[in-house]
Amino acid sequence: MTIKLVALYKRPSVEVAFLTHYEQVHLPLMQKVPHLEKVEVFRDVSSPFGEAPYFLVAEMHFADRARFDAAMASPENRAAGKDLMTFAKDLVTLLVLASE
């Protein structure tokens, strides 16, 4: 069973500042999280039914639940989570998805 941590970001009031922080600070912090196999970031988010509720979607891939749990408990993930709350607390929704 693979695990994805998905971050759904609403449109920020200042897109340039958000993207600069996301790309230069937050993403490098996330990439240090142990057991993270891949990060995919989607910026051109659209919906077939009008305006999409999200501005940016990020998917973080983990091989299995044990590695995901270890990653979430790591100091590197705590640092990334603390940073997330400084710039996107009211913008982000996090989901954990497990494939069977």
Foldseek 3Di string as FASTA:
>chain_A
DKKKKKKFFADDPDNVVLVCCCVVPQVVLVVPQPQFDDKDKDQPDQDPPDRDRGRIMMITIGGDDVRVVSSCPDPSVVVSVVSCCVRGVPTIDIDMDDDD
